[in-house]
Amino acid sequence: MGIMILITLALLVRQSRFDSSTVLRSLAYGVALSVRQAQVYGTSVVGTSTTAVACGSGFYNALTSSCYAAGYGVYFSATTPTSYILFADLNGDGQYTPNEFVKSFSFSNGYVISDICATESSTGNIDCWVGGTTAGLLGNSAWVTAVFKRPNPDACFATNLQTTACAAGGSPFYKSAYVKIIASADSANTKSVTVTVPGEVSVCVTGTSC
């Protein structure tokens, strides 16, 4: 009986770890697909329902009450580590504001974004919010956006430290960005989603940038 109990417990632990890894992999690819969706929206003609005043730098169609935004992006924030947002960059500043909301994506219970990071182009330094602490240059108020503006499929990245990097007339500051997702009950179980300036989106098993 003792042997059977031990074997059963071992199998249950392995099955739980397998299930957790499967869900985590699915969430990571979901994030990658959301980034790709922003890229497609940003390089094509997709309208967002809003007001003429909110449309900002986009083209407003009064007949459909839609704004054809300057670009689309994905917003990750340390204050909401269990979700992220697809947004229309209505004013063209590369940042997210509530009136630019398009869609929110939430993780399954027990899974969170643990790291939000961006790599500087000139120095290669990585600016991060790490594991819910202030260990990292971005601090606890960290946010990162990956924005795509037509006609190019290239990504531009802004953070709470470099807020104007993707604004009109601004200078791109980062060459890539990534988020790391973990299972709360098993912090060693991680996946990372990395986006680069050329618009490449990758899912890594290493838990860091690809």
Protein backbone atom coordinates (compact mmCIF):
# COMPACT_ATOMS: atom_id res chain seq x y z
CA MET A 1 0.00 0.00 0.00
CA GLY A 2 2.82 2.38 0.89
CA ILE A 3 4.54 1.77 -2.44
CA MET A 4 1.27 2.30 -4.33
CA ILE A 5 0.66 5.59 -2.50
CA LEU A 6 4.16 6.86 -3.32
CA ILE A 7 3.81 5.93 -6.98
CA THR A 8 0.39 7.58 -7.15
CA LEU A 9 1.69 10.78 -5.54
CA ALA A 10 4.64 10.90 -7.93
CA LEU A 11 2.33 10.48 -10.92
CA LEU A 12 -0.01 13.18 -9.65
CA VAL A 13 2.87 15.64 -9.20
CA ARG A 14 4.20 14.92 -12.69
CA GLN A 15 0.71 15.25 -14.19
CA SER A 16 0.16 18.57 -12.39
CA ARG A 17 3.49 19.89 -13.71
CA PHE A 18 2.61 18.73 -17.22
CA ASP A 19 -0.80 20.42 -17.07
CA SER A 20 0.78 23.63 -15.78
CA SER A 21 3.38 23.64 -18.57
CA THR A 22 0.68 23.05 -21.18
CA VAL A 23 -1.42 25.97 -19.95
CA LEU A 24 1.63 28.22 -19.70
CA ARG A 25 2.69 27.41 -23.24
CA SER A 26 -0.83 28.16 -24.47
CA LEU A 27 -0.84 31.53 -22.65
CA ALA A 28 2.55 32.48 -24.09
CA TYR A 29 1.44 31.72 -27.64
CA GLY A 30 -1.74 33.65 -26.93
CA VAL A 31 0.36 36.71 -26.06
CA ALA A 32 2.41 36.24 -29.23
CA LEU A 33 -0.77 36.06 -31.31
CA SER A 34 -2.07 39.24 -29.66
CA VAL A 35 1.13 41.05 -30.62
CA ARG A 36 0.76 39.74 -34.15
CA GLN A 37 -2.85 40.96 -34.16
CA ALA A 38 -1.66 44.46 -33.23
CA GLN A 39 0.86 44.26 -36.06
CA VAL A 40 -1.81 43.28 -38.60
CA TYR A 41 -4.17 46.00 -37.35
CA GLY A 42 -1.39 48.58 -37.39
CA THR A 43 -0.36 47.88 -40.99
CA SER A 44 -3.89 47.57 -42.41
CA VAL A 45 -7.01 49.70 -42.40
CA VAL A 46 -8.87 48.75 -39.22
CA GLY A 47 -11.32 51.19 -37.65
CA THR A 48 -12.02 51.64 -33.95
CA SER A 49 -15.33 52.96 -32.68
CA THR A 50 -14.73 56.27 -30.88
CA THR A 51 -15.44 60.00 -31.01
CA ALA A 52 -13.98 62.55 -33.42
CA VAL A 53 -12.24 64.35 -30.55
CA ALA A 54 -10.57 61.15 -29.31
CA CYS A 55 -9.42 60.22 -32.81
CA GLY A 56 -6.45 62.56 -32.53
CA SER A 57 -3.91 61.84 -35.25
CA GLY A 58 -6.06 59.19 -36.93
CA PHE A 59 -8.63 59.57 -39.71
CA TYR A 60 -12.21 59.85 -38.45
CA ASN A 61 -15.15 58.52 -40.45
CA ALA A 62 -18.29 60.28 -39.23
CA LEU A 63 -20.58 57.87 -41.09
CA THR A 64 -19.38 54.87 -39.07
CA SER A 65 -18.15 56.78 -35.98
CA SER A 66 -14.82 55.03 -36.43
CA CYS A 67 -11.25 56.21 -36.13
CA TYR A 68 -8.57 54.75 -38.35
CA ALA A 69 -5.73 55.04 -35.89
CA ALA A 70 -2.12 55.93 -36.58
CA GLY A 71 -1.12 52.55 -35.17
CA TYR A 72 -2.04 49.68 -32.86
CA GLY A 73 -0.15 48.29 -29.92
CA VAL A 74 -0.06 45.93 -26.97
CA TYR A 75 0.30 47.32 -23.43
CA PHE A 76 1.84 45.40 -20.51
CA SER A 77 1.83 46.88 -17.01
CA ALA A 78 3.28 45.86 -13.65
CA THR A 79 0.08 47.08 -11.98
CA THR A 80 -2.01 44.49 -13.89
CA PRO A 81 0.26 41.42 -14.12
CA THR A 82 -2.62 39.03 -14.84
CA SER A 83 -3.76 40.79 -18.03
CA TYR A 84 -2.65 42.96 -20.94
CA ILE A 85 -4.38 45.25 -23.43
CA LEU A 86 -4.65 45.65 -27.19
CA PHE A 87 -5.09 49.34 -27.98
CA ALA A 88 -5.49 51.74 -30.89
CA ASP A 89 -2.89 54.49 -30.73
CA LEU A 90 -5.41 57.22 -31.50
CA ASN A 91 -3.16 60.17 -30.69
CA GLY A 92 -0.01 58.62 -32.13
CA ASP A 93 2.12 58.99 -29.00
CA GLY A 94 2.98 55.31 -28.59
CA GLN A 95 1.46 55.18 -25.10
CA TYR A 96 -1.78 53.65 -23.85
CA THR A 97 -4.64 55.72 -22.44
CA PRO A 98 -8.06 54.32 -21.41
CA ASN A 99 -9.92 55.91 -24.35
CA GLU A 100 -7.67 53.87 -26.71
CA PHE A 101 -8.84 50.53 -25.32
CA VAL A 102 -9.73 47.84 -27.88
CA LYS A 103 -9.56 44.54 -26.02
CA SER A 104 -8.25 43.07 -22.76
CA PHE A 105 -6.71 39.62 -22.42
CA SER A 106 -6.60 37.87 -19.03
CA PHE A 107 -4.54 34.90 -17.87
CA SER A 108 -5.89 31.79 -16.20
CA ASN A 109 -5.84 31.74 -12.41
CA GLY A 110 -2.36 31.04 -11.08
CA TYR A 111 -0.44 32.58 -13.98
CA VAL A 112 1.08 36.07 -13.98
CA ILE A 113 3.54 38.29 -15.81
CA SER A 114 6.63 38.31 -13.60
CA ASP A 115 9.03 40.38 -15.72
CA ILE A 116 8.54 43.28 -18.14
CA CYS A 117 11.72 44.32 -19.96
CA ALA A 118 13.06 46.32 -22.89
CA THR A 119 16.57 46.25 -24.37
CA GLU A 120 18.23 49.56 -25.23
CA SER A 121 19.47 49.87 -28.81
CA SER A 122 22.65 51.82 -28.18
CA THR A 123 24.00 50.11 -25.05
CA GLY A 124 22.31 46.71 -24.97
CA ASN A 125 21.25 47.40 -21.37
CA ILE A 126 18.01 45.74 -20.33
CA ASP A 127 15.53 47.95 -18.48
CA CYS A 128 13.25 45.73 -16.38
CA TRP A 129 10.61 45.32 -13.76
CA VAL A 130 11.49 41.96 -12.23
CA GLY A 131 9.35 39.58 -10.23
CA GLY A 132 7.06 42.19 -8.71
CA THR A 133 9.92 44.00 -6.99
CA THR A 134 11.80 47.20 -7.61
CA ALA A 135 14.77 45.10 -8.73
CA GLY A 136 15.15 46.67 -12.12
CA LEU A 137 15.29 50.10 -13.67
CA LEU A 138 11.60 50.34 -14.56
CA GLY A 139 10.42 49.91 -10.95
CA ASN A 140 6.94 48.98 -9.74
CA SER A 141 5.21 51.50 -12.02
CA ALA A 142 6.62 49.71 -15.07
CA TRP A 143 4.82 49.53 -18.36
CA VAL A 144 5.90 48.63 -21.88
CA THR A 145 4.09 49.11 -25.18
CA ALA A 146 4.88 47.50 -28.52
CA VAL A 147 3.35 49.68 -31.24
CA PHE A 148 2.98 49.08 -34.98
CA LYS A 149 2.30 51.93 -37.41
CA ARG A 150 1.53 51.57 -41.09
CA PRO A 151 2.88 51.15 -43.66
CA ASN A 152 5.79 49.28 -42.02
CA PRO A 153 5.47 46.07 -39.96
CA ASP A 154 8.27 47.26 -37.63
CA ALA A 155 7.68 47.52 -33.88
CA CYS A 156 8.43 50.52 -31.70
CA PHE A 157 8.75 50.24 -27.92
CA ALA A 158 7.95 52.79 -25.23
CA THR A 159 8.26 52.44 -21.46
CA ASN A 160 7.51 54.51 -18.37
CA LEU A 161 11.13 55.73 -18.62
CA GLN A 162 11.05 56.46 -22.36
CA THR A 163 7.51 57.72 -22.89
CA THR A 164 8.13 59.62 -26.14
CA ALA A 165 10.18 56.95 -27.93
CA CYS A 166 7.29 56.12 -30.30
CA ALA A 167 5.69 59.56 -30.59
CA ALA A 168 5.74 61.55 -33.80
CA GLY A 169 9.23 63.02 -34.13
CA GLY A 170 10.53 60.82 -31.32
CA SER A 171 13.65 58.68 -31.55
CA PRO A 172 13.31 54.89 -31.14
CA PHE A 173 15.19 53.92 -27.97
CA TYR A 174 14.76 50.14 -27.68
CA LYS A 175 15.58 47.30 -30.06
CA SER A 176 13.38 44.66 -28.41
CA ALA A 177 11.10 43.96 -25.47
CA TYR A 178 9.90 40.87 -23.69
CA VAL A 179 7.54 39.69 -20.97
CA LYS A 180 8.03 36.61 -18.83
CA ILE A 181 5.02 34.59 -17.67
CA ILE A 182 5.19 32.21 -14.72
CA ALA A 183 2.99 29.73 -12.91
CA SER A 184 2.54 31.17 -9.41
CA ALA A 185 2.73 27.73 -7.79
CA ASP A 186 5.86 26.80 -9.70
CA SER A 187 8.08 29.83 -10.39
CA ALA A 188 10.59 27.67 -12.27
CA ASN A 189 7.90 27.00 -14.88
CA THR A 190 8.26 30.00 -17.22
CA LYS A 191 7.78 31.18 -20.79
CA SER A 192 8.88 34.43 -22.41
CA VAL A 193 7.50 36.31 -25.39
CA THR A 194 9.98 38.56 -27.20
CA VAL A 195 9.27 41.20 -29.86
CA THR A 196 12.02 42.84 -31.91
CA VAL A 197 12.07 46.04 -33.98
CA PRO A 198 11.75 44.17 -37.33
CA GLY A 199 8.46 42.77 -36.00
CA GLU A 200 9.67 39.27 -35.14
CA VAL A 201 7.66 37.64 -32.34
CA SER A 202 9.18 34.64 -30.52
CA VAL A 203 8.18 32.35 -27.65
CA CYS A 204 11.09 31.06 -25.53
CA VAL A 205 11.36 28.27 -22.99
CA THR A 206 14.33 29.81 -21.20
CA GLY A 207 12.35 32.38 -19.23
CA THR A 208 14.40 35.29 -20.61
CA SER A 209 14.60 37.20 -23.87
CA CYS A 210 15.03 35.06 -26.97
